[in-house]
Amino acid sequence: MITFDNLFTKTRIYISNKKKKGDVFTEVYEDLLKQDCVTKDFLENLCEREQNYPTGIDLKPIDSGLPNIAIPHTESQFVKTSGIVPIKLNHPVDFYNMINPEEKIPVSFLFMILNQNGQEQTGLLASIMDFINSCDKNELNAFFQMEDPEQLFNFLKNNFRGVIAND
């Protein structure tokens, strides 16, 4: 059963000052590797999958004030645990749009999916979108602007739990 405690940990919430997608991925990968959450081949496969299957999501249809997000992930054989890794980007990074792969969009927040069980990926993606759709848009915008991992974690703890309980 998926619970909040299975999905999020305080040690896997990041604030990145990197300005390029590959640099953000490398920064997070190196720490996830140290935590034994991913295999040594994770980064290469994450980048390759992102190139072939873009994960940028334009949130303007939900609310024009929200920043764009991305939900990068790769196949389960490169992951040793399941969870969602929130990554606040201090500088927007270009991702290709999941819906319109020719379009580049500036992204300010990532929800990286670590999916040890290939069956969970769709459910995790749906849970992230349910979280975004269920939150008060002003509170969600404040969440996307937070600079402190502890604040990010607490917001998720208070707002993501209901999404999981409804699954």
N, C-alpha and C. Protein backbone atom coordinates (compact mmCIF):
# COMPACT_ATOMS: atom_id res chain seq x y z
N MET A 1 0.83 -1.18 0.00
CA MET A 1 0.00 0.00 0.00
C MET A 1 0.88 1.25 0.00
N ILE A 2 0.53 2.23 -0.81
CA ILE A 2 1.29 3.48 -0.88
C ILE A 2 0.84 4.41 0.23
N THR A 3 1.81 4.89 1.00
CA THR A 3 1.52 5.86 2.05
C THR A 3 2.45 7.05 1.86
N PHE A 4 2.14 8.14 2.54
CA PHE A 4 2.98 9.33 2.47
C PHE A 4 4.42 8.97 2.85
N ASP A 5 4.57 8.21 3.94
CA ASP A 5 5.91 7.87 4.43
C ASP A 5 6.69 7.01 3.45
N ASN A 6 5.99 6.25 2.58
CA ASN A 6 6.67 5.49 1.53
C ASN A 6 7.16 6.41 0.41
N LEU A 7 6.42 7.48 0.17
CA LEU A 7 6.70 8.32 -0.99
C LEU A 7 7.73 9.42 -0.75
N PHE A 8 7.69 10.05 0.41
CA PHE A 8 8.52 11.22 0.67
C PHE A 8 9.41 11.01 1.88
N THR A 9 10.65 11.47 1.79
CA THR A 9 11.53 11.50 2.95
C THR A 9 12.22 12.87 2.97
N LYS A 10 12.56 13.31 4.15
CA LYS A 10 13.22 14.61 4.31
C LYS A 10 14.59 14.63 3.62
N THR A 11 15.21 13.47 3.49
CA THR A 11 16.55 13.42 2.88
C THR A 11 16.50 13.44 1.36
N ARG A 12 15.30 13.38 0.79
CA ARG A 12 15.17 13.38 -0.67
C ARG A 12 14.31 14.55 -1.15
N ILE A 13 14.55 15.73 -0.57
CA ILE A 13 13.91 16.97 -1.03
C ILE A 13 15.05 17.93 -1.34
N TYR A 14 15.03 18.50 -2.53
CA TYR A 14 16.17 19.29 -3.01
C TYR A 14 15.76 20.70 -3.42
N ILE A 15 16.69 21.62 -3.20
CA ILE A 15 16.61 22.98 -3.74
C ILE A 15 17.85 23.11 -4.62
N SER A 16 17.66 23.36 -5.90
CA SER A 16 18.79 23.39 -6.84
C SER A 16 19.02 24.78 -7.40
N ASN A 17 20.28 25.17 -7.44
CA ASN A 17 20.69 26.43 -8.07
C ASN A 17 21.21 26.20 -9.49
N LYS A 18 21.16 24.97 -9.96
CA LYS A 18 21.67 24.66 -11.30
C LYS A 18 20.78 25.32 -12.35
N LYS A 19 21.37 25.58 -13.52
CA LYS A 19 20.65 26.30 -14.58
C LYS A 19 20.38 25.46 -15.81
N LYS A 20 20.85 24.21 -15.80
CA LYS A 20 20.62 23.30 -16.93
C LYS A 20 20.05 21.98 -16.42
N LYS A 21 19.17 21.40 -17.22
CA LYS A 21 18.50 20.15 -16.85
C LYS A 21 19.51 19.06 -16.49
N GLY A 22 20.51 18.87 -17.32
CA GLY A 22 21.51 17.82 -17.06
C GLY A 22 22.25 18.04 -15.76
N ASP A 23 22.52 19.30 -15.42
CA ASP A 23 23.21 19.61 -14.16
C ASP A 23 22.31 19.32 -12.96
N VAL A 24 21.03 19.64 -13.08
CA VAL A 24 20.07 19.33 -12.01
C VAL A 24 20.01 17.82 -11.82
N PHE A 25 19.84 17.09 -12.92
CA PHE A 25 19.76 15.63 -12.86
C PHE A 25 21.02 15.05 -12.20
N THR A 26 22.19 15.54 -12.59
CA THR A 26 23.45 15.04 -12.04
C THR A 26 23.54 15.30 -10.54
N GLU A 27 23.19 16.51 -10.14
CA GLU A 27 23.24 16.89 -8.72
C GLU A 27 22.37 15.96 -7.88
N VAL A 28 21.14 15.73 -8.30
CA VAL A 28 20.22 14.89 -7.55
C VAL A 28 20.65 13.42 -7.62
N TYR A 29 21.06 12.98 -8.80
CA TYR A 29 21.53 11.59 -8.98
C TYR A 29 22.67 11.25 -8.03
N GLU A 30 23.65 12.15 -7.92
CA GLU A 30 24.81 11.87 -7.07
C GLU A 30 24.38 11.65 -5.62
N ASP A 31 23.41 12.43 -5.15
CA ASP A 31 22.94 12.25 -3.78
C ASP A 31 22.09 10.98 -3.66
N LEU A 32 21.22 10.73 -4.63
CA LEU A 32 20.41 9.51 -4.59
C LEU A 32 21.28 8.26 -4.65
N LEU A 33 22.38 8.32 -5.38
CA LEU A 33 23.31 7.19 -5.45
C LEU A 33 23.96 6.96 -4.08
N LYS A 34 24.36 8.04 -3.42
CA LYS A 34 24.94 7.94 -2.06
C LYS A 34 23.94 7.32 -1.09
N GLN A 35 22.65 7.63 -1.27
CA GLN A 35 21.61 7.09 -0.40
C GLN A 35 21.19 5.68 -0.81
N ASP A 36 21.82 5.14 -1.86
CA ASP A 36 21.53 3.80 -2.37
C ASP A 36 20.09 3.67 -2.85
N CYS A 37 19.57 4.74 -3.46
CA CYS A 37 18.20 4.75 -4.00
C CYS A 37 18.16 4.38 -5.47
N VAL A 38 19.29 4.55 -6.17
CA VAL A 38 19.34 4.32 -7.61
C VAL A 38 20.61 3.55 -7.96
N THR A 39 20.64 3.00 -9.17
CA THR A 39 21.84 2.30 -9.66
C THR A 39 22.78 3.30 -10.34
N LYS A 40 23.98 2.85 -10.63
CA LYS A 40 24.95 3.74 -11.30
C LYS A 40 24.49 4.11 -12.70
N ASP A 41 23.61 3.34 -13.31
CA ASP A 41 23.11 3.62 -14.66
C ASP A 41 21.89 4.53 -14.68
N PHE A 42 21.42 4.95 -13.51
CA PHE A 42 20.20 5.75 -13.41
C PHE A 42 20.30 7.04 -14.22
N LEU A 43 21.36 7.81 -14.02
CA LEU A 43 21.47 9.13 -14.66
C LEU A 43 21.42 9.03 -16.17
N GLU A 44 22.20 8.13 -16.74
CA GLU A 44 22.23 7.97 -18.19
C GLU A 44 20.83 7.62 -18.73
N ASN A 45 20.15 6.73 -18.05
CA ASN A 45 18.83 6.31 -18.50
C ASN A 45 17.76 7.35 -18.25
N LEU A 46 17.89 8.11 -17.18
CA LEU A 46 16.97 9.21 -16.91
C LEU A 46 17.07 10.25 -18.03
N CYS A 47 18.29 10.63 -18.39
CA CYS A 47 18.49 11.63 -19.45
C CYS A 47 17.98 11.12 -20.80
N GLU A 48 18.27 9.85 -21.09
CA GLU A 48 17.82 9.26 -22.35
C GLU A 48 16.30 9.20 -22.42
N ARG A 49 15.66 8.82 -21.34
CA ARG A 49 14.21 8.72 -21.33
C ARG A 49 13.58 10.11 -21.46
N GLU A 50 14.16 11.09 -20.79
CA GLU A 50 13.63 12.46 -20.87
C GLU A 50 13.73 12.99 -22.31
N GLN A 51 14.79 12.62 -23.00
CA GLN A 51 14.97 13.06 -24.39
C GLN A 51 13.91 12.42 -25.30
N ASN A 52 13.60 11.15 -25.06
CA ASN A 52 12.65 10.43 -25.90
C ASN A 52 11.19 10.62 -25.49
N TYR A 53 10.97 10.83 -24.21
CA TYR A 53 9.61 10.97 -23.67
C TYR A 53 9.57 12.16 -22.70
N PRO A 54 9.41 13.37 -23.22
CA PRO A 54 9.47 14.57 -22.38
C PRO A 54 8.44 14.55 -21.26
N THR A 55 8.80 15.21 -20.15
CA THR A 55 7.94 15.18 -18.96
C THR A 55 7.51 16.56 -18.47
N GLY A 56 7.76 17.62 -19.24
CA GLY A 56 7.32 18.95 -18.84
C GLY A 56 5.81 19.08 -18.90
N ILE A 57 5.23 19.75 -17.90
CA ILE A 57 3.78 19.93 -17.85
C ILE A 57 3.47 21.41 -17.64
N ASP A 58 2.73 21.96 -18.59
CA ASP A 58 2.29 23.35 -18.53
C ASP A 58 1.08 23.42 -17.59
N LEU A 59 1.22 24.14 -16.48
CA LEU A 59 0.13 24.22 -15.51
C LEU A 59 -0.82 25.39 -15.75
N LYS A 60 -0.59 26.17 -16.80
CA LYS A 60 -1.47 27.31 -17.08
C LYS A 60 -2.94 26.91 -17.25
N PRO A 61 -3.27 25.75 -17.86
CA PRO A 61 -4.68 25.37 -17.93
C PRO A 61 -5.32 25.15 -16.55
N ILE A 62 -4.52 24.81 -15.55
CA ILE A 62 -5.04 24.62 -14.20
C ILE A 62 -5.18 25.98 -13.51
N ASP A 63 -4.12 26.79 -13.62
CA ASP A 63 -4.14 28.15 -13.06
C ASP A 63 -2.99 28.92 -13.70
N SER A 64 -3.31 30.07 -14.26
CA SER A 64 -2.29 30.84 -15.00
C SER A 64 -1.17 31.35 -14.12
N GLY A 65 -1.36 31.35 -12.79
CA GLY A 65 -0.31 31.83 -11.89
C GLY A 65 0.68 30.76 -11.47
N LEU A 66 0.40 29.51 -11.80
CA LEU A 66 1.29 28.42 -11.36
C LEU A 66 2.48 28.27 -12.30
N PRO A 67 3.64 27.92 -11.74
CA PRO A 67 4.79 27.64 -12.60
C PRO A 67 4.64 26.27 -13.25
N ASN A 68 5.37 26.05 -14.33
CA ASN A 68 5.37 24.73 -14.97
C ASN A 68 6.18 23.75 -14.14
N ILE A 69 5.81 22.48 -14.26
CA ILE A 69 6.52 21.42 -13.54
C ILE A 69 6.99 20.37 -14.55
N ALA A 70 7.81 19.46 -14.08
CA ALA A 70 8.19 18.28 -14.86
C ALA A 70 8.19 17.09 -13.91
N ILE A 71 7.95 15.92 -14.47
CA ILE A 71 7.89 14.70 -13.68
C ILE A 71 8.84 13.66 -14.31
N PRO A 72 10.15 13.91 -14.20
CA PRO A 72 11.11 12.98 -14.81
C PRO A 72 11.14 11.64 -14.08
N HIS A 73 11.43 10.59 -14.84
CA HIS A 73 11.53 9.24 -14.29
C HIS A 73 12.20 8.35 -15.32
N THR A 74 12.57 7.16 -14.88
CA THR A 74 13.12 6.18 -15.80
C THR A 74 12.63 4.79 -15.39
N GLU A 75 13.07 3.78 -16.09
CA GLU A 75 12.58 2.42 -15.87
C GLU A 75 13.01 1.90 -14.50
N SER A 76 12.21 0.97 -13.99
CA SER A 76 12.39 0.48 -12.62
C SER A 76 13.71 -0.27 -12.39
N GLN A 77 14.32 -0.81 -13.43
CA GLN A 77 15.57 -1.55 -13.19
C GLN A 77 16.73 -0.65 -12.76
N PHE A 78 16.55 0.67 -12.86
CA PHE A 78 17.59 1.62 -12.47
C PHE A 78 17.30 2.26 -11.11
N VAL A 79 16.28 1.74 -10.43
CA VAL A 79 15.83 2.33 -9.17
C VAL A 79 15.78 1.24 -8.10
N LYS A 80 16.22 1.58 -6.88
CA LYS A 80 16.24 0.62 -5.78
C LYS A 80 15.15 0.87 -4.74
N THR A 81 14.36 1.90 -4.91
CA THR A 81 13.29 2.24 -3.98
C THR A 81 12.19 2.95 -4.75
N SER A 82 11.05 3.10 -4.14
CA SER A 82 9.97 3.87 -4.77
C SER A 82 9.74 5.15 -3.97
N GLY A 83 9.35 6.20 -4.67
CA GLY A 83 9.05 7.44 -3.99
C GLY A 83 8.96 8.59 -4.97
N ILE A 84 8.68 9.76 -4.41
CA ILE A 84 8.62 10.98 -5.20
C ILE A 84 9.67 11.94 -4.62
N VAL A 85 10.49 12.49 -5.49
CA VAL A 85 11.57 13.39 -5.08
C VAL A 85 11.24 14.80 -5.54
N PRO A 86 10.82 15.69 -4.62
CA PRO A 86 10.54 17.08 -4.99
C PRO A 86 11.85 17.85 -5.18
N ILE A 87 11.91 18.63 -6.25
CA ILE A 87 13.11 19.43 -6.54
C ILE A 87 12.67 20.83 -6.93
N LYS A 88 12.94 21.79 -6.07
CA LYS A 88 12.65 23.20 -6.34
C LYS A 88 13.82 23.76 -7.13
N LEU A 89 13.53 24.36 -8.27
CA LEU A 89 14.56 24.95 -9.12
C LEU A 89 14.58 26.47 -8.88
N ASN A 90 15.70 26.99 -8.43
CA ASN A 90 15.81 28.43 -8.21
C ASN A 90 15.92 29.20 -9.51
N HIS A 91 16.28 28.50 -10.58
CA HIS A 91 16.35 29.09 -11.92
C HIS A 91 15.54 28.19 -12.85
N PRO A 92 14.52 28.73 -13.53
CA PRO A 92 13.74 27.89 -14.45
C PRO A 92 14.65 27.19 -15.47
N VAL A 93 14.33 25.94 -15.73
CA VAL A 93 15.10 25.10 -16.65
C VAL A 93 14.15 24.65 -17.77
N ASP A 94 14.63 24.66 -19.00
CA ASP A 94 13.79 24.26 -20.13
C ASP A 94 13.61 22.74 -20.18
N PHE A 95 12.35 22.34 -20.32
CA PHE A 95 11.97 20.96 -20.56
C PHE A 95 11.05 20.96 -21.77
N TYR A 96 10.99 19.84 -22.46
CA TYR A 96 10.01 19.72 -23.53
C TYR A 96 8.68 19.30 -22.92
N ASN A 97 7.61 19.81 -23.49
CA ASN A 97 6.25 19.60 -23.02
C ASN A 97 5.81 18.15 -23.27
N MET A 98 5.26 17.52 -22.24
CA MET A 98 4.79 16.15 -22.34
C MET A 98 3.67 16.02 -23.39
N ILE A 99 2.78 17.00 -23.45
CA ILE A 99 1.64 16.96 -24.36
C ILE A 99 2.03 17.37 -25.79
N ASN A 100 2.89 18.36 -25.90
CA ASN A 100 3.37 18.86 -27.20
C ASN A 100 4.89 18.79 -27.21
N PRO A 101 5.47 17.62 -27.54
CA PRO A 101 6.91 17.39 -27.40
C PRO A 101 7.83 18.33 -28.21
N GLU A 102 7.27 19.10 -29.13
CA GLU A 102 8.08 20.05 -29.90
C GLU A 102 8.28 21.35 -29.13
N GLU A 103 7.43 21.58 -28.12
CA GLU A 103 7.43 22.85 -27.39
C GLU A 103 8.31 22.78 -26.14
N LYS A 104 9.22 23.76 -26.01
CA LYS A 104 10.02 23.91 -24.79
C LYS A 104 9.27 24.81 -23.83
N ILE A 105 9.26 24.41 -22.56
CA ILE A 105 8.64 25.26 -21.55
C ILE A 105 9.60 25.43 -20.36
N PRO A 106 9.62 26.61 -19.75
CA PRO A 106 10.45 26.81 -18.57
C PRO A 106 9.79 26.13 -17.36
N VAL A 107 10.54 25.32 -16.66
CA VAL A 107 10.04 24.55 -15.53
C VAL A 107 10.73 25.05 -14.25
N SER A 108 9.94 25.17 -13.18
CA SER A 108 10.47 25.66 -11.91
C SER A 108 10.41 24.64 -10.77
N PHE A 109 9.78 23.50 -11.02
CA PHE A 109 9.67 22.50 -9.96
C PHE A 109 9.58 21.11 -10.60
N LEU A 110 10.30 20.16 -9.99
CA LEU A 110 10.27 18.77 -10.47
C LEU A 110 9.70 17.86 -9.39
N PHE A 111 8.95 16.90 -9.82
CA PHE A 111 8.54 15.78 -8.98
C PHE A 111 9.14 14.55 -9.66
N MET A 112 10.36 14.19 -9.26
CA MET A 112 11.03 13.03 -9.87
C MET A 112 10.46 11.76 -9.26
N ILE A 113 10.02 10.86 -10.12
CA ILE A 113 9.47 9.60 -9.66
C ILE A 113 10.57 8.54 -9.61
N LEU A 114 10.70 7.91 -8.45
CA LEU A 114 11.54 6.73 -8.29
C LEU A 114 10.57 5.56 -8.22
N ASN A 115 10.67 4.67 -9.18
CA ASN A 115 9.65 3.63 -9.31
C ASN A 115 10.32 2.27 -9.38
N GLN A 116 10.43 1.62 -8.23
CA GLN A 116 11.05 0.30 -8.18
C GLN A 116 10.15 -0.76 -8.80
N ASN A 117 8.84 -0.54 -8.71
CA ASN A 117 7.86 -1.46 -9.26
C ASN A 117 7.21 -0.80 -10.47
N GLY A 118 7.45 -1.29 -11.66
CA GLY A 118 6.95 -0.69 -12.88
C GLY A 118 5.46 -0.42 -12.88
N GLN A 119 4.71 -1.13 -12.04
CA GLN A 119 3.26 -0.97 -12.00
C GLN A 119 2.83 0.34 -11.33
N GLU A 120 3.70 0.92 -10.50
CA GLU A 120 3.31 2.09 -9.69
C GLU A 120 3.38 3.40 -10.45
N GLN A 121 4.09 3.46 -11.55
CA GLN A 121 4.39 4.73 -12.20
C GLN A 121 3.15 5.54 -12.55
N THR A 122 2.17 4.93 -13.17
CA THR A 122 0.96 5.65 -13.57
C THR A 122 0.22 6.17 -12.35
N GLY A 123 0.15 5.37 -11.29
CA GLY A 123 -0.51 5.80 -10.06
C GLY A 123 0.20 6.97 -9.41
N LEU A 124 1.53 6.96 -9.42
CA LEU A 124 2.29 8.06 -8.83
C LEU A 124 2.09 9.34 -9.64
N LEU A 125 2.11 9.23 -10.94
CA LEU A 125 1.87 10.39 -11.81
C LEU A 125 0.47 10.95 -11.54
N ALA A 126 -0.52 10.08 -11.44
CA ALA A 126 -1.89 10.52 -11.17
C ALA A 126 -1.98 11.18 -9.79
N SER A 127 -1.28 10.63 -8.79
CA SER A 127 -1.30 11.22 -7.45
C SER A 127 -0.71 12.63 -7.44
N ILE A 128 0.35 12.84 -8.20
CA ILE A 128 0.96 14.17 -8.30
C ILE A 128 -0.04 15.15 -8.91
N MET A 129 -0.70 14.74 -9.98
CA MET A 129 -1.68 15.63 -10.62
C MET A 129 -2.90 15.85 -9.72
N ASP A 130 -3.31 14.83 -8.98
CA ASP A 130 -4.42 15.00 -8.02
C ASP A 130 -4.03 16.00 -6.93
N PHE A 131 -2.80 15.91 -6.47
CA PHE A 131 -2.28 16.86 -5.46
C PHE A 131 -2.37 18.28 -6.00
N ILE A 132 -1.90 18.49 -7.22
CA ILE A 132 -1.90 19.84 -7.81
C ILE A 132 -3.33 20.34 -7.99
N ASN A 133 -4.21 19.48 -8.45
CA ASN A 133 -5.60 19.88 -8.69
C ASN A 133 -6.40 20.09 -7.40
N SER A 134 -6.01 19.42 -6.32
CA SER A 134 -6.79 19.50 -5.08
C SER A 134 -6.35 20.63 -4.16
N CYS A 135 -5.16 21.16 -4.34
CA CYS A 135 -4.66 22.22 -3.47
C CYS A 135 -5.27 23.58 -3.83
N ASP A 136 -5.44 24.41 -2.82
CA ASP A 136 -5.78 25.81 -3.06
C ASP A 136 -4.67 26.41 -3.91
N LYS A 137 -5.03 27.10 -4.99
CA LYS A 137 -4.01 27.56 -5.95
C LYS A 137 -3.06 28.58 -5.35
N ASN A 138 -3.52 29.44 -4.43
CA ASN A 138 -2.62 30.39 -3.78
C ASN A 138 -1.62 29.66 -2.87
N GLU A 139 -2.11 28.66 -2.14
CA GLU A 139 -1.23 27.86 -1.28
C GLU A 139 -0.24 27.06 -2.11
N LEU A 140 -0.71 26.51 -3.24
CA LEU A 140 0.16 25.74 -4.11
C LEU A 140 1.25 26.63 -4.70
N ASN A 141 0.88 27.83 -5.11
CA ASN A 141 1.87 28.76 -5.64
C ASN A 141 2.90 29.10 -4.57
N ALA A 142 2.46 29.30 -3.34
CA ALA A 142 3.39 29.57 -2.23
C ALA A 142 4.32 28.36 -2.03
N PHE A 143 3.77 27.15 -2.14
CA PHE A 143 4.58 25.93 -2.03
C PHE A 143 5.69 25.93 -3.08
N PHE A 144 5.34 26.24 -4.32
CA PHE A 144 6.33 26.23 -5.40
C PHE A 144 7.43 27.29 -5.20
N GLN A 145 7.17 28.29 -4.36
CA GLN A 145 8.15 29.35 -4.10
C GLN A 145 9.01 29.07 -2.86
N MET A 146 8.65 28.08 -2.07
CA MET A 146 9.38 27.80 -0.82
C MET A 146 10.85 27.50 -1.09
N GLU A 147 11.69 27.96 -0.17
CA GLU A 147 13.14 27.80 -0.29
C GLU A 147 13.73 26.85 0.74
N ASP A 148 12.88 26.29 1.60
CA ASP A 148 13.35 25.46 2.70
C ASP A 148 12.82 24.04 2.56
N PRO A 149 13.70 23.04 2.49
CA PRO A 149 13.25 21.65 2.34
C PRO A 149 12.26 21.21 3.42
N GLU A 150 12.46 21.68 4.65
CA GLU A 150 11.55 21.32 5.75
C GLU A 150 10.14 21.86 5.48
N GLN A 151 10.05 23.10 4.99
CA GLN A 151 8.74 23.68 4.65
C GLN A 151 8.08 22.90 3.51
N LEU A 152 8.86 22.54 2.51
CA LEU A 152 8.33 21.75 1.39
C LEU A 152 7.77 20.42 1.91
N PHE A 153 8.55 19.77 2.76
CA PHE A 153 8.14 18.48 3.31
C PHE A 153 6.85 18.62 4.10
N ASN A 154 6.78 19.64 4.96
CA ASN A 154 5.58 19.83 5.79
C ASN A 154 4.35 20.14 4.95
N PHE A 155 4.51 20.93 3.89
CA PHE A 155 3.37 21.21 3.01
C PHE A 155 2.90 19.91 2.35
N LEU A 156 3.83 19.12 1.86
CA LEU A 156 3.46 17.84 1.25
C LEU A 156 2.78 16.94 2.28
N LYS A 157 3.32 16.90 3.48
CA LYS A 157 2.76 16.06 4.54
C LYS A 157 1.30 16.45 4.82
N ASN A 158 1.04 17.75 4.83
CA ASN A 158 -0.31 18.24 5.13
C ASN A 158 -1.27 18.17 3.95
N ASN A 159 -0.74 18.15 2.72
CA ASN A 159 -1.61 18.26 1.54
C ASN A 159 -1.59 17.04 0.63
N PHE A 160 -0.54 16.23 0.68
CA PHE A 160 -0.45 15.07 -0.20
C PHE A 160 -1.14 13.86 0.43
N ARG A 161 -1.21 13.83 1.73
CA ARG A 161 -1.82 12.70 2.45
C ARG A 161 -3.24 12.43 1.97
N GLY A 162 -4.04 13.50 1.83
CA GLY A 162 -5.43 13.35 1.40
C GLY A 162 -5.55 12.74 0.02
N VAL A 163 -4.59 13.06 -0.84
CA VAL A 163 -4.59 12.52 -2.20
C VAL A 163 -4.39 11.01 -2.15
N ILE A 164 -3.45 10.57 -1.32
CA ILE A 164 -3.17 9.14 -1.23
C ILE A 164 -4.35 8.41 -0.59
N ALA A 165 -4.93 9.02 0.44
CA ALA A 165 -6.05 8.39 1.12
C ALA A 165 -7.25 8.19 0.20
N ASN A 166 -7.35 9.06 -0.83
CA ASN A 166 -8.48 8.96 -1.75
C ASN A 166 -8.26 7.92 -2.85
N ASP A 167 -7.06 7.40 -2.95
CA ASP A 167 -6.78 6.40 -4.01
C ASP A 167 -7.47 5.09 -3.73
